[in-house]
Amino acid sequence: MADTSMKNLLFKRTMPARDKAETTTSISRSIAEAEVAAREAKTARLRRLRLAKEAADEEARIATTAAAVKPAKAKARNGR
């Protein structure tokens, strides 16, 4: 018995290979999931910015077109 206790003191038991593999797998999955979440959040943020810019550009185009059309009609009416 003394021999067994001395053996346990000298040679520390380590985690079995299967436990190490499961730990590594769970850590790598959590890292991958975090990266996916960050990528999806960035994509959603950029999509919102793009849609807002497209809406603003469309409003500016409509305003510019409306402003350009009104004077042309006014000139045509005044020229008659």
C-alpha atoms as a PDB file:
ATOM      1  CA  MET A   1       0.000   0.000   0.000  1.00  0.00           C
ATOM      2  CA  ALA A   2       2.758   2.425   0.803  1.00  0.00           C
ATOM      3  CA  ASP A   3       4.120   1.720  -2.635  1.00  0.00           C
ATOM      4  CA  THR A   4       0.800   2.747  -4.274  1.00  0.00           C
ATOM      5  CA  SER A   5       0.539   5.997  -2.339  1.00  0.00           C
ATOM      6  CA  MET A   6       4.158   6.835  -3.201  1.00  0.00           C
ATOM      7  CA  LYS A   7       3.385   6.114  -6.852  1.00  0.00           C
ATOM      8  CA  ASN A   8       0.393   8.487  -6.753  1.00  0.00           C
ATOM      9  CA  LEU A   9       2.549  11.227  -5.268  1.00  0.00           C
ATOM     10  CA  LEU A  10       5.310  10.840  -7.803  1.00  0.00           C
ATOM     11  CA  PHE A  11       3.212  10.374 -10.893  1.00  0.00           C
ATOM     12  CA  LYS A  12       0.335  12.796 -10.970  1.00  0.00           C
ATOM     13  CA  ARG A  13      -2.682  11.528 -12.749  1.00  0.00           C
ATOM     14  CA  THR A  14      -3.575  13.532 -15.755  1.00  0.00           C
ATOM     15  CA  MET A  15      -6.801  13.931 -17.579  1.00  0.00           C
ATOM     16  CA  PRO A  16      -7.646  10.944 -19.778  1.00  0.00           C
ATOM     17  CA  ALA A  17      -7.198  11.461 -23.516  1.00  0.00           C
ATOM     18  CA  ARG A  18     -10.936  11.372 -24.132  1.00  0.00           C
ATOM     19  CA  ASP A  19     -11.542  14.148 -21.590  1.00  0.00           C
ATOM     20  CA  LYS A  20      -8.790  16.227 -23.178  1.00  0.00           C
ATOM     21  CA  ALA A  21     -10.341  15.731 -26.600  1.00  0.00           C
ATOM     22  CA  GLU A  22     -13.794  16.683 -25.329  1.00  0.00           C
ATOM     23  CA  THR A  23     -12.395  19.795 -23.660  1.00  0.00           C
ATOM     24  CA  THR A  24     -10.535  20.794 -26.806  1.00  0.00           C
ATOM     25  CA  THR A  25     -13.626  20.193 -28.923  1.00  0.00           C
ATOM     26  CA  SER A  26     -15.884  22.222 -26.664  1.00  0.00           C
ATOM     27  CA  ILE A  27     -13.407  25.109 -26.534  1.00  0.00           C
ATOM     28  CA  SER A  28     -12.946  25.123 -30.308  1.00  0.00           C
ATOM     29  CA  ARG A  29     -16.713  25.024 -30.831  1.00  0.00           C
ATOM     30  CA  SER A  30     -17.240  27.937 -28.469  1.00  0.00           C
ATOM     31  CA  ILE A  31     -14.554  29.942 -30.284  1.00  0.00           C
ATOM     32  CA  ALA A  32     -16.121  29.136 -33.660  1.00  0.00           C
ATOM     33  CA  GLU A  33     -19.596  30.062 -32.384  1.00  0.00           C
ATOM     34  CA  ALA A  34     -18.267  33.357 -31.041  1.00  0.00           C
ATOM     35  CA  GLU A  35     -16.679  34.115 -34.414  1.00  0.00           C
ATOM     36  CA  VAL A  36     -19.927  33.294 -36.230  1.00  0.00           C
ATOM     37  CA  ALA A  37     -21.908  35.530 -33.866  1.00  0.00           C
ATOM     38  CA  ALA A  38     -19.446  38.385 -34.362  1.00  0.00           C
ATOM     39  CA  ARG A  39     -19.552  37.957 -38.151  1.00  0.00           C
ATOM     40  CA  GLU A  40     -23.358  37.903 -38.214  1.00  0.00           C
ATOM     41  CA  ALA A  41     -23.534  40.999 -35.999  1.00  0.00           C
ATOM     42  CA  LYS A  42     -21.107  42.825 -38.296  1.00  0.00           C
ATOM     43  CA  THR A  43     -23.071  41.750 -41.372  1.00  0.00           C
ATOM     44  CA  ALA A  44     -26.344  42.944 -39.839  1.00  0.00           C
ATOM     45  CA  ARG A  45     -24.780  46.293 -38.873  1.00  0.00           C
ATOM     46  CA  LEU A  46     -23.354  46.812 -42.349  1.00  0.00           C
ATOM     47  CA  ARG A  47     -26.657  45.808 -43.950  1.00  0.00           C
ATOM     48  CA  ARG A  48     -28.522  48.412 -41.859  1.00  0.00           C
ATOM     49  CA  LEU A  49     -25.984  51.083 -42.830  1.00  0.00           C
ATOM     50  CA  ARG A  50     -26.205  50.131 -46.519  1.00  0.00           C
ATOM     51  CA  LEU A  51     -30.004  50.221 -46.514  1.00  0.00           C
ATOM     52  CA  ALA A  52     -30.018  53.576 -44.735  1.00  0.00           C
ATOM     53  CA  LYS A  53     -27.534  54.972 -47.273  1.00  0.00           C
ATOM     54  CA  GLU A  54     -29.541  53.615 -50.192  1.00  0.00           C
ATOM     55  CA  ALA A  55     -32.701  55.202 -48.766  1.00  0.00           C
ATOM     56  CA  ALA A  56     -30.925  58.531 -48.281  1.00  0.00           C
ATOM     57  CA  ASP A  57     -29.491  58.371 -51.808  1.00  0.00           C
ATOM     58  CA  GLU A  58     -32.950  57.623 -53.216  1.00  0.00           C
ATOM     59  CA  GLU A  59     -34.466  60.566 -51.329  1.00  0.00           C
ATOM     60  CA  ALA A  60     -31.684  62.827 -52.581  1.00  0.00           C
ATOM     61  CA  ARG A  61     -32.208  61.591 -56.148  1.00  0.00           C
ATOM     62  CA  ILE A  62     -35.958  62.225 -55.919  1.00  0.00           C
ATOM     63  CA  ALA A  63     -35.399  65.683 -54.453  1.00  0.00           C
ATOM     64  CA  THR A  64     -32.866  66.539 -57.147  1.00  0.00           C
ATOM     65  CA  THR A  65     -35.123  65.232 -59.890  1.00  0.00           C
ATOM     66  CA  ALA A  66     -38.131  67.098 -58.500  1.00  0.00           C
ATOM     67  CA  ALA A  67     -36.131  70.316 -58.195  1.00  0.00           C
ATOM     68  CA  ALA A  68     -34.847  69.977 -61.754  1.00  0.00           C
ATOM     69  CA  VAL A  69     -38.280  69.214 -63.182  1.00  0.00           C
ATOM     70  CA  LYS A  70     -40.143  72.106 -61.539  1.00  0.00           C
ATOM     71  CA  PRO A  71     -38.109  74.936 -63.092  1.00  0.00           C
ATOM     72  CA  ALA A  72     -38.324  73.325 -66.507  1.00  0.00           C
ATOM     73  CA  LYS A  73     -42.120  73.252 -66.281  1.00  0.00           C
ATOM     74  CA  ALA A  74     -42.183  76.813 -65.020  1.00  0.00           C
ATOM     75  CA  LYS A  75     -40.048  77.960 -67.981  1.00  0.00           C
ATOM     76  CA  ALA A  76     -42.307  76.163 -70.407  1.00  0.00           C
ATOM     77  CA  ARG A  77     -45.382  77.827 -68.910  1.00  0.00           C
ATOM     78  CA  ASN A  78     -43.778  81.271 -68.923  1.00  0.00           C
ATOM     79  CA  GLY A  79     -42.599  80.882 -72.490  1.00  0.00           C
ATOM     80  CA  ARG A  80     -46.103  80.392 -73.911  1.00  0.00           C
END
